[in-house]
Amino acid sequence: MTAIKVDDLEGIELDYWVAKAEGLFWNNNHTFELYKNGPDKPVIDWNFIGPIIERDKIITHYSDLTDEHWISSYIAGDSEIICKGESCIQAIKRLIVKRKYGETVE
């Protein structure tokens, strides 16, 4: 299996790793069990992510200094994890995965 940078994850692949990081079930058909309205309307949305933001004290902001993107960050002691995304929720999802698995996933 080839390593994939967390910063390159998007779409259903990113949702898979968020589900795995949060200990949720992913079935053998690669469909997330919490998809209730089809794969185009995942439950890994703000209703799912909101409590994680609060629980983990994730910080988000928008940056347009060099290129337009959202940034999420998590600080624990002397270390900080930072992720970017085209949307705020994408940046947060990447942060959840990176915090659990590091810079790459396999």
N, C-alpha and C. Protein backbone atom coordinates (compact mmCIF):
# COMPACT_ATOMS: atom_id res chain seq x y z
N MET A 1 0.83 -1.18 0.00
CA MET A 1 0.00 0.00 0.00
C MET A 1 0.88 1.25 0.00
N THR A 2 0.49 2.24 -0.74
CA THR A 2 1.26 3.47 -0.87
C THR A 2 0.82 4.49 0.16
N ALA A 3 1.77 5.17 0.75
CA ALA A 3 1.48 6.22 1.73
C ALA A 3 0.89 7.44 1.00
N ILE A 4 -0.11 8.04 1.63
CA ILE A 4 -0.76 9.23 1.09
C ILE A 4 -0.60 10.35 2.11
N LYS A 5 -0.22 11.53 1.65
CA LYS A 5 -0.12 12.68 2.54
C LYS A 5 -1.51 13.06 3.02
N VAL A 6 -1.63 13.30 4.30
CA VAL A 6 -2.92 13.72 4.85
C VAL A 6 -3.38 15.02 4.19
N ASP A 7 -2.44 15.90 3.88
CA ASP A 7 -2.80 17.18 3.24
C ASP A 7 -3.37 17.00 1.84
N ASP A 8 -3.24 15.80 1.26
CA ASP A 8 -3.80 15.54 -0.07
C ASP A 8 -5.14 14.81 -0.02
N LEU A 9 -5.57 14.38 1.17
CA LEU A 9 -6.84 13.67 1.29
C LEU A 9 -8.00 14.61 1.04
N GLU A 10 -9.02 14.08 0.36
CA GLU A 10 -10.25 14.84 0.14
C GLU A 10 -11.40 13.88 -0.13
N GLY A 11 -12.61 14.41 -0.12
CA GLY A 11 -13.79 13.63 -0.45
C GLY A 11 -13.99 12.42 0.45
N ILE A 12 -14.46 11.34 -0.16
CA ILE A 12 -14.80 10.13 0.59
C ILE A 12 -13.57 9.50 1.24
N GLU A 13 -12.41 9.67 0.61
CA GLU A 13 -11.18 9.14 1.20
C GLU A 13 -10.85 9.85 2.52
N LEU A 14 -11.05 11.15 2.55
CA LEU A 14 -10.84 11.91 3.78
C LEU A 14 -11.87 11.51 4.83
N ASP A 15 -13.13 11.35 4.43
CA ASP A 15 -14.16 10.92 5.37
C ASP A 15 -13.83 9.55 5.96
N TYR A 16 -13.30 8.66 5.14
CA TYR A 16 -12.91 7.34 5.62
C TYR A 16 -11.91 7.46 6.77
N TRP A 17 -10.88 8.29 6.57
CA TRP A 17 -9.84 8.42 7.60
C TRP A 17 -10.34 9.15 8.84
N VAL A 18 -11.27 10.11 8.67
CA VAL A 18 -11.88 10.75 9.84
C VAL A 18 -12.66 9.72 10.63
N ALA A 19 -13.46 8.91 9.92
CA ALA A 19 -14.24 7.87 10.59
C ALA A 19 -13.32 6.91 11.34
N LYS A 20 -12.25 6.51 10.71
CA LYS A 20 -11.29 5.60 11.34
C LYS A 20 -10.64 6.25 12.55
N ALA A 21 -10.24 7.51 12.43
CA ALA A 21 -9.61 8.22 13.54
C ALA A 21 -10.54 8.35 14.74
N GLU A 22 -11.84 8.47 14.46
CA GLU A 22 -12.83 8.62 15.53
C GLU A 22 -13.40 7.28 15.99
N GLY A 23 -12.88 6.18 15.43
CA GLY A 23 -13.30 4.85 15.87
C GLY A 23 -14.65 4.42 15.35
N LEU A 24 -15.07 4.95 14.20
CA LEU A 24 -16.37 4.60 13.62
C LEU A 24 -16.24 3.45 12.64
N PHE A 25 -17.32 2.77 12.37
CA PHE A 25 -17.32 1.59 11.51
C PHE A 25 -17.37 1.97 10.04
N TRP A 26 -16.55 1.33 9.24
CA TRP A 26 -16.52 1.50 7.79
C TRP A 26 -16.68 0.11 7.21
N ASN A 27 -17.71 -0.15 6.42
CA ASN A 27 -17.96 -1.52 5.98
C ASN A 27 -17.12 -1.91 4.77
N ASN A 28 -17.17 -3.17 4.37
CA ASN A 28 -16.34 -3.70 3.29
C ASN A 28 -16.66 -3.13 1.92
N ASN A 29 -17.82 -2.53 1.77
CA ASN A 29 -18.19 -1.92 0.49
C ASN A 29 -17.68 -0.49 0.38
N HIS A 30 -16.87 -0.09 1.33
CA HIS A 30 -16.32 1.27 1.37
C HIS A 30 -17.41 2.33 1.41
N THR A 31 -18.49 2.02 2.10
CA THR A 31 -19.53 3.02 2.34
C THR A 31 -19.61 3.24 3.83
N PHE A 32 -19.58 4.44 4.23
CA PHE A 32 -19.60 4.81 5.63
C PHE A 32 -20.98 4.54 6.19
N GLU A 33 -21.06 3.84 7.27
CA GLU A 33 -22.35 3.43 7.84
C GLU A 33 -23.21 4.62 8.25
N LEU A 34 -22.64 5.78 8.50
CA LEU A 34 -23.45 6.92 8.89
C LEU A 34 -24.01 7.71 7.70
N TYR A 35 -23.71 7.26 6.47
CA TYR A 35 -24.31 7.91 5.31
C TYR A 35 -25.77 7.51 5.29
N LYS A 36 -26.66 8.47 5.46
CA LYS A 36 -28.07 8.16 5.49
C LYS A 36 -28.78 8.57 4.22
N ASN A 37 -28.26 9.55 3.52
CA ASN A 37 -28.91 10.07 2.32
C ASN A 37 -28.06 9.83 1.08
N GLY A 38 -27.20 8.83 1.11
CA GLY A 38 -26.31 8.56 -0.01
C GLY A 38 -24.95 9.18 0.21
N PRO A 39 -23.96 8.71 -0.56
CA PRO A 39 -22.58 9.16 -0.35
C PRO A 39 -22.35 10.63 -0.68
N ASP A 40 -23.29 11.27 -1.39
CA ASP A 40 -23.10 12.69 -1.69
C ASP A 40 -23.53 13.58 -0.52
N LYS A 41 -24.13 12.99 0.52
CA LYS A 41 -24.55 13.76 1.69
C LYS A 41 -24.04 13.08 2.96
N PRO A 42 -22.75 13.15 3.20
CA PRO A 42 -22.19 12.44 4.36
C PRO A 42 -22.64 13.06 5.67
N VAL A 43 -22.63 12.25 6.70
CA VAL A 43 -22.94 12.73 8.03
C VAL A 43 -21.69 13.33 8.68
N ILE A 44 -20.53 13.12 8.07
CA ILE A 44 -19.34 13.80 8.59
C ILE A 44 -19.42 15.24 8.07
N ASP A 45 -20.33 15.96 8.70
CA ASP A 45 -20.61 17.34 8.36
C ASP A 45 -20.46 18.16 9.64
N TRP A 46 -21.01 19.36 9.66
CA TRP A 46 -20.84 20.22 10.83
C TRP A 46 -21.46 19.62 12.08
N ASN A 47 -22.55 18.87 11.94
CA ASN A 47 -23.17 18.24 13.11
C ASN A 47 -22.23 17.21 13.74
N PHE A 48 -21.44 16.54 12.93
CA PHE A 48 -20.48 15.56 13.40
C PHE A 48 -19.20 16.23 13.89
N ILE A 49 -18.72 17.20 13.12
CA ILE A 49 -17.44 17.85 13.40
C ILE A 49 -17.52 18.85 14.56
N GLY A 50 -18.66 19.52 14.73
CA GLY A 50 -18.80 20.54 15.77
C GLY A 50 -18.38 20.08 17.16
N PRO A 51 -18.91 18.96 17.64
CA PRO A 51 -18.50 18.49 18.97
C PRO A 51 -17.01 18.15 19.06
N ILE A 52 -16.41 17.73 17.95
CA ILE A 52 -14.98 17.42 17.95
C ILE A 52 -14.17 18.71 18.10
N ILE A 53 -14.61 19.76 17.41
CA ILE A 53 -13.95 21.07 17.52
C ILE A 53 -13.94 21.51 18.98
N GLU A 54 -15.08 21.39 19.62
CA GLU A 54 -15.18 21.81 21.02
C GLU A 54 -14.39 20.89 21.94
N ARG A 55 -14.53 19.59 21.75
CA ARG A 55 -13.83 18.61 22.59
C ARG A 55 -12.31 18.79 22.52
N ASP A 56 -11.79 18.98 21.30
CA ASP A 56 -10.35 19.04 21.09
C ASP A 56 -9.80 20.46 21.04
N LYS A 57 -10.68 21.44 21.18
CA LYS A 57 -10.29 22.86 21.16
C LYS A 57 -9.51 23.21 19.89
N ILE A 58 -10.09 22.82 18.76
CA ILE A 58 -9.49 23.09 17.45
C ILE A 58 -9.73 24.55 17.08
N ILE A 59 -8.70 25.18 16.58
CA ILE A 59 -8.76 26.59 16.16
C ILE A 59 -8.84 26.63 14.64
N THR A 60 -9.70 27.48 14.10
CA THR A 60 -9.78 27.64 12.64
C THR A 60 -9.78 29.12 12.28
N HIS A 61 -9.25 29.39 11.12
CA HIS A 61 -9.35 30.74 10.56
C HIS A 61 -9.09 30.69 9.06
N TYR A 62 -9.47 31.78 8.40
CA TYR A 62 -9.30 31.90 6.96
C TYR A 62 -8.08 32.76 6.68
N SER A 63 -7.26 32.34 5.71
CA SER A 63 -6.06 33.09 5.37
C SER A 63 -6.09 33.45 3.88
N ASP A 64 -5.86 34.70 3.59
CA ASP A 64 -5.75 35.11 2.19
C ASP A 64 -4.44 35.86 1.94
N LEU A 65 -3.45 35.59 2.80
CA LEU A 65 -2.18 36.29 2.68
C LEU A 65 -1.41 35.88 1.43
N THR A 66 -1.25 34.59 1.19
CA THR A 66 -0.51 34.14 0.01
C THR A 66 -1.42 33.41 -0.97
N ASP A 67 -2.24 32.53 -0.45
CA ASP A 67 -3.26 31.87 -1.26
C ASP A 67 -4.47 31.66 -0.37
N GLU A 68 -5.63 31.64 -0.96
CA GLU A 68 -6.86 31.57 -0.18
C GLU A 68 -7.10 30.14 0.29
N HIS A 69 -7.17 29.96 1.60
CA HIS A 69 -7.45 28.65 2.17
C HIS A 69 -7.84 28.79 3.64
N TRP A 70 -8.44 27.74 4.16
CA TRP A 70 -8.78 27.66 5.58
C TRP A 70 -7.66 26.94 6.30
N ILE A 71 -7.44 27.32 7.54
CA ILE A 71 -6.41 26.71 8.37
C ILE A 71 -7.06 26.23 9.66
N SER A 72 -6.71 25.02 10.06
CA SER A 72 -7.12 24.52 11.36
C SER A 72 -5.86 24.16 12.14
N SER A 73 -5.91 24.35 13.45
CA SER A 73 -4.74 24.03 14.25
C SER A 73 -5.15 23.47 15.61
N TYR A 74 -4.24 22.67 16.15
CA TYR A 74 -4.44 22.03 17.45
C TYR A 74 -3.13 22.17 18.21
N ILE A 75 -3.22 22.65 19.43
CA ILE A 75 -2.02 22.84 20.25
C ILE A 75 -2.09 21.92 21.46
N ALA A 76 -1.01 21.17 21.65
CA ALA A 76 -0.89 20.29 22.83
C ALA A 76 0.51 20.48 23.40
N GLY A 77 0.57 21.11 24.54
CA GLY A 77 1.88 21.37 25.14
C GLY A 77 2.70 22.29 24.26
N ASP A 78 3.90 21.83 23.88
CA ASP A 78 4.79 22.62 23.04
C ASP A 78 4.63 22.34 21.55
N SER A 79 3.73 21.43 21.19
CA SER A 79 3.59 21.08 19.77
C SER A 79 2.28 21.62 19.20
N GLU A 80 2.32 21.91 17.92
CA GLU A 80 1.15 22.41 17.21
C GLU A 80 1.02 21.65 15.90
N ILE A 81 -0.20 21.25 15.58
CA ILE A 81 -0.49 20.60 14.30
C ILE A 81 -1.33 21.58 13.50
N ILE A 82 -0.97 21.78 12.24
CA ILE A 82 -1.66 22.73 11.37
C ILE A 82 -2.04 22.03 10.07
N CYS A 83 -3.27 22.27 9.61
CA CYS A 83 -3.72 21.75 8.31
C CYS A 83 -4.43 22.85 7.54
N LYS A 84 -4.33 22.75 6.21
CA LYS A 84 -5.02 23.67 5.31
C LYS A 84 -6.12 22.91 4.57
N GLY A 85 -7.08 23.66 4.06
CA GLY A 85 -8.13 23.07 3.25
C GLY A 85 -8.81 24.11 2.41
N GLU A 86 -9.47 23.66 1.35
CA GLU A 86 -10.24 24.56 0.50
C GLU A 86 -11.48 25.07 1.22
N SER A 87 -11.95 24.29 2.20
CA SER A 87 -13.06 24.71 3.04
C SER A 87 -12.64 24.54 4.50
N CYS A 88 -13.36 25.18 5.37
CA CYS A 88 -13.06 25.08 6.79
C CYS A 88 -13.19 23.63 7.27
N ILE A 89 -14.26 22.96 6.87
CA ILE A 89 -14.48 21.59 7.32
C ILE A 89 -13.42 20.63 6.78
N GLN A 90 -12.93 20.88 5.57
CA GLN A 90 -11.86 20.04 5.01
C GLN A 90 -10.58 20.19 5.84
N ALA A 91 -10.26 21.41 6.23
CA ALA A 91 -9.07 21.65 7.05
C ALA A 91 -9.20 20.96 8.41
N ILE A 92 -10.38 20.99 8.99
CA ILE A 92 -10.61 20.35 10.29
C ILE A 92 -10.51 18.83 10.16
N LYS A 93 -11.12 18.27 9.12
CA LYS A 93 -11.06 16.83 8.90
C LYS A 93 -9.60 16.37 8.75
N ARG A 94 -8.82 17.11 7.99
CA ARG A 94 -7.41 16.76 7.81
C ARG A 94 -6.67 16.82 9.15
N LEU A 95 -7.00 17.81 9.96
CA LEU A 95 -6.37 17.93 11.27
C LEU A 95 -6.69 16.72 12.15
N ILE A 96 -7.92 16.28 12.14
CA ILE A 96 -8.32 15.11 12.93
C ILE A 96 -7.49 13.89 12.53
N VAL A 97 -7.32 13.72 11.22
CA VAL A 97 -6.56 12.57 10.72
C VAL A 97 -5.08 12.72 11.04
N LYS A 98 -4.53 13.89 10.81
CA LYS A 98 -3.09 14.12 11.04
C LYS A 98 -2.74 13.97 12.51
N ARG A 99 -3.62 14.42 13.38
CA ARG A 99 -3.35 14.30 14.81
C ARG A 99 -3.28 12.84 15.25
N LYS A 100 -4.09 12.00 14.63
CA LYS A 100 -4.14 10.60 15.01
C LYS A 100 -3.04 9.77 14.32
N TYR A 101 -2.79 10.05 13.02
CA TYR A 101 -1.91 9.17 12.22
C TYR A 101 -0.61 9.82 11.76
N GLY A 102 -0.46 11.11 11.92
CA GLY A 102 0.76 11.76 11.45
C GLY A 102 0.61 12.32 10.05
N GLU A 103 1.72 12.59 9.40
CA GLU A 103 1.73 13.27 8.11
C GLU A 103 1.17 12.43 6.95
N THR A 104 1.25 11.10 7.07
CA THR A 104 0.79 10.22 5.99
C THR A 104 -0.09 9.10 6.55
N VAL A 105 -0.91 8.53 5.68
CA VAL A 105 -1.72 7.36 6.01
C VAL A 105 -1.49 6.29 4.94
N GLU A 106 -1.75 5.04 5.32
CA GLU A 106 -1.60 3.93 4.36
C GLU A 106 -2.83 3.06 4.40
